[in-house]
């Protein structure tokens, strides 16, 4: 399955507004790699307080978007819908470019390793073709 619209995203993620940070999937090989988009508008709740007069997307929410996209891929691999994975660690994280209202985030996730229910991925967020943030995420422990 290559592309996924919002209905498919909602089928694979338990997140809902205001925490849903993936609008659509534009590439997915159902095995190791997935690419998704998040369109940011001034109406995002975090922009109202971070920071008034100079709104920027918090870096931790960029990491959350990476984790959500990784969660879609892992749920597809495991053939589970809306399973929850929890962060175990975040390493080698860098924030390189500010993300603002009006930007479109292109999020790329590549699985590095899955073993004993633990998944390690490398994620990158791009805005206008430049890396905004990247990091290694490890998570596991589905609830449902």
Protein backbone atom coordinates (compact mmCIF):
# COMPACT_ATOMS: atom_id res chain seq x y z
CA UNK A 1 0.00 0.00 0.00
CA UNK A 2 1.61 3.27 -1.08
CA UNK A 3 -0.59 6.17 -0.02
CA UNK A 4 -2.99 6.52 2.90
CA UNK A 5 -5.59 9.23 3.41
CA UNK A 6 -6.81 10.49 6.76
CA UNK A 7 -9.33 7.64 7.15
CA UNK A 8 -6.51 5.08 6.95
CA UNK A 9 -4.32 7.14 9.28
CA UNK A 10 -7.13 7.16 11.85
CA UNK A 11 -7.53 3.40 11.44
CA UNK A 12 -3.90 2.73 12.38
CA UNK A 13 -3.33 5.42 15.03
CA UNK A 14 -5.16 5.86 18.34
CA UNK A 15 -4.38 9.61 18.36
CA UNK A 16 -7.09 12.21 17.79
CA UNK A 17 -7.28 16.00 17.75
CA UNK A 18 -5.40 17.88 19.11
CA UNK A 19 -2.63 15.26 19.30
CA UNK A 20 -2.93 13.77 15.80
CA UNK A 21 0.15 15.01 13.91
CA UNK A 22 -0.09 13.06 10.63
CA UNK A 23 -2.39 14.24 7.82
CA UNK A 24 -1.57 11.64 5.21
CA UNK A 25 0.94 9.01 4.14
CA UNK A 26 2.47 9.47 0.69
CA UNK A 27 4.78 6.43 0.64
CA UNK A 28 4.78 3.15 2.54
CA UNK A 29 6.45 -0.13 1.67
CA UNK A 30 4.69 -1.96 4.58
CA UNK A 31 8.10 -3.30 5.68
CA UNK A 32 10.76 -0.74 6.51
CA UNK A 33 10.01 2.79 5.27
CA UNK A 34 7.15 5.28 5.44
CA UNK A 35 6.78 8.95 4.45
CA UNK A 36 4.00 11.21 5.71
CA UNK A 37 2.87 14.82 5.69
CA UNK A 38 1.68 17.29 8.32
CA UNK A 39 0.32 20.62 7.12
CA UNK A 40 0.68 23.30 9.77
CA UNK A 41 -1.74 26.19 10.08
CA UNK A 42 -1.84 29.04 12.55
CA UNK A 43 -4.87 27.31 14.11
CA UNK A 44 -2.73 24.52 15.63
CA UNK A 45 -3.28 24.79 19.41
CA UNK A 46 0.44 24.80 20.27
CA UNK A 47 1.13 27.89 18.12
CA UNK A 48 -1.10 30.01 20.38
CA UNK A 49 1.30 29.70 23.31
CA UNK A 50 4.63 28.78 21.68
CA UNK A 51 5.39 31.68 21.25
CA UNK A 52 2.86 34.53 21.00
CA UNK A 53 4.05 36.93 18.32
CA UNK A 54 6.66 34.45 17.02
CA UNK A 55 4.92 31.06 16.68
CA UNK A 56 7.12 27.99 16.21
CA UNK A 57 6.36 24.29 16.45
CA UNK A 58 7.90 22.71 19.55
CA UNK A 59 10.70 20.28 18.76
CA UNK A 60 9.15 17.64 21.01
CA UNK A 61 6.04 17.68 18.81
CA UNK A 62 8.21 17.09 15.75
CA UNK A 63 9.52 14.01 17.56
CA UNK A 64 5.94 13.02 18.35
CA UNK A 65 5.03 13.28 14.66
CA UNK A 66 7.95 10.98 13.85
CA UNK A 67 6.76 8.50 16.48
CA UNK A 68 3.19 8.57 15.18
CA UNK A 69 4.32 7.88 11.63
CA UNK A 70 6.55 5.07 12.90
CA UNK A 71 3.55 3.72 14.81
CA UNK A 72 1.52 3.52 11.60
CA UNK A 73 4.24 1.47 9.92
CA UNK A 74 4.71 -0.85 12.90
CA UNK A 75 0.96 -1.38 13.22
CA UNK A 76 0.80 -2.23 9.51
CA UNK A 77 3.70 -4.68 9.87
CA UNK A 78 2.03 -6.32 12.88
CA UNK A 79 -1.39 -6.15 11.22
CA UNK A 80 -2.89 -4.32 14.21
CA UNK A 81 -5.07 -1.24 14.27
CA UNK A 82 -4.74 1.51 16.87
CA UNK A 83 -2.15 -0.35 18.95
CA UNK A 84 -0.22 1.93 21.29
CA UNK A 85 3.55 2.04 21.59
CA UNK A 86 5.37 3.98 24.29
CA UNK A 87 8.66 5.85 24.00
CA UNK A 88 11.58 3.98 25.52
CA UNK A 89 14.33 6.34 24.40
CA UNK A 90 15.19 9.20 22.09
CA UNK A 91 18.82 9.50 20.98
CA UNK A 92 20.98 11.49 18.58
CA UNK A 93 18.31 14.17 18.23
CA UNK A 94 19.04 17.42 16.43
CA UNK A 95 16.83 20.41 15.72
CA UNK A 96 18.13 22.28 12.70
CA UNK A 97 15.38 24.55 11.34
CA UNK A 98 12.42 26.33 12.89
CA UNK A 99 8.97 25.10 11.80
CA UNK A 100 6.27 27.78 11.51
CA UNK A 101 2.60 28.12 10.59
CA UNK A 102 2.12 27.57 6.86
CA UNK A 103 4.92 25.00 6.64
CA UNK A 104 4.40 21.46 5.44
CA UNK A 105 6.41 18.83 7.28
CA UNK A 106 7.57 15.85 5.26
CA UNK A 107 8.33 13.13 7.78
CA UNK A 108 10.44 10.11 6.83
CA UNK A 109 10.83 7.04 9.02
CA UNK A 110 13.07 4.06 8.42
CA UNK A 111 13.04 1.06 10.72
CA UNK A 112 16.49 0.19 11.99
CA UNK A 113 15.56 -2.85 14.06
CA UNK A 114 12.59 -4.74 15.46
CA UNK A 115 13.28 -7.33 18.14
CA UNK A 116 11.28 -8.75 21.04
CA UNK A 117 8.55 -6.16 20.66
CA UNK A 118 11.02 -3.24 20.69
CA UNK A 119 11.34 -1.10 17.59
CA UNK A 120 14.12 1.33 16.76
CA UNK A 121 13.62 3.84 13.94
CA UNK A 122 15.47 6.79 12.47
CA UNK A 123 13.23 9.73 11.70
CA UNK A 124 13.68 12.97 9.80
CA UNK A 125 11.44 15.99 9.37
CA UNK A 126 11.94 18.12 6.27
CA UNK A 127 10.50 21.56 5.51
CA UNK A 128 11.03 22.91 1.98
CA UNK A 129 13.58 20.17 1.31
CA UNK A 130 15.76 21.03 4.34
CA UNK A 131 16.06 18.91 7.47
CA UNK A 132 14.25 20.52 10.37
CA UNK A 133 14.84 17.74 12.90
CA UNK A 134 16.01 14.16 13.13
CA UNK A 135 16.59 11.49 15.70
CA UNK A 136 16.63 7.84 16.69
CA UNK A 137 13.47 6.71 18.45
CA UNK A 138 12.92 3.49 20.33
CA UNK A 139 9.50 2.35 21.45
CA UNK A 140 7.47 -0.71 22.30
CA UNK A 141 4.78 -2.11 24.56
CA UNK A 142 1.45 -2.20 22.77
CA UNK A 143 -1.59 -1.95 25.02
CA UNK A 144 -4.38 -3.21 22.76
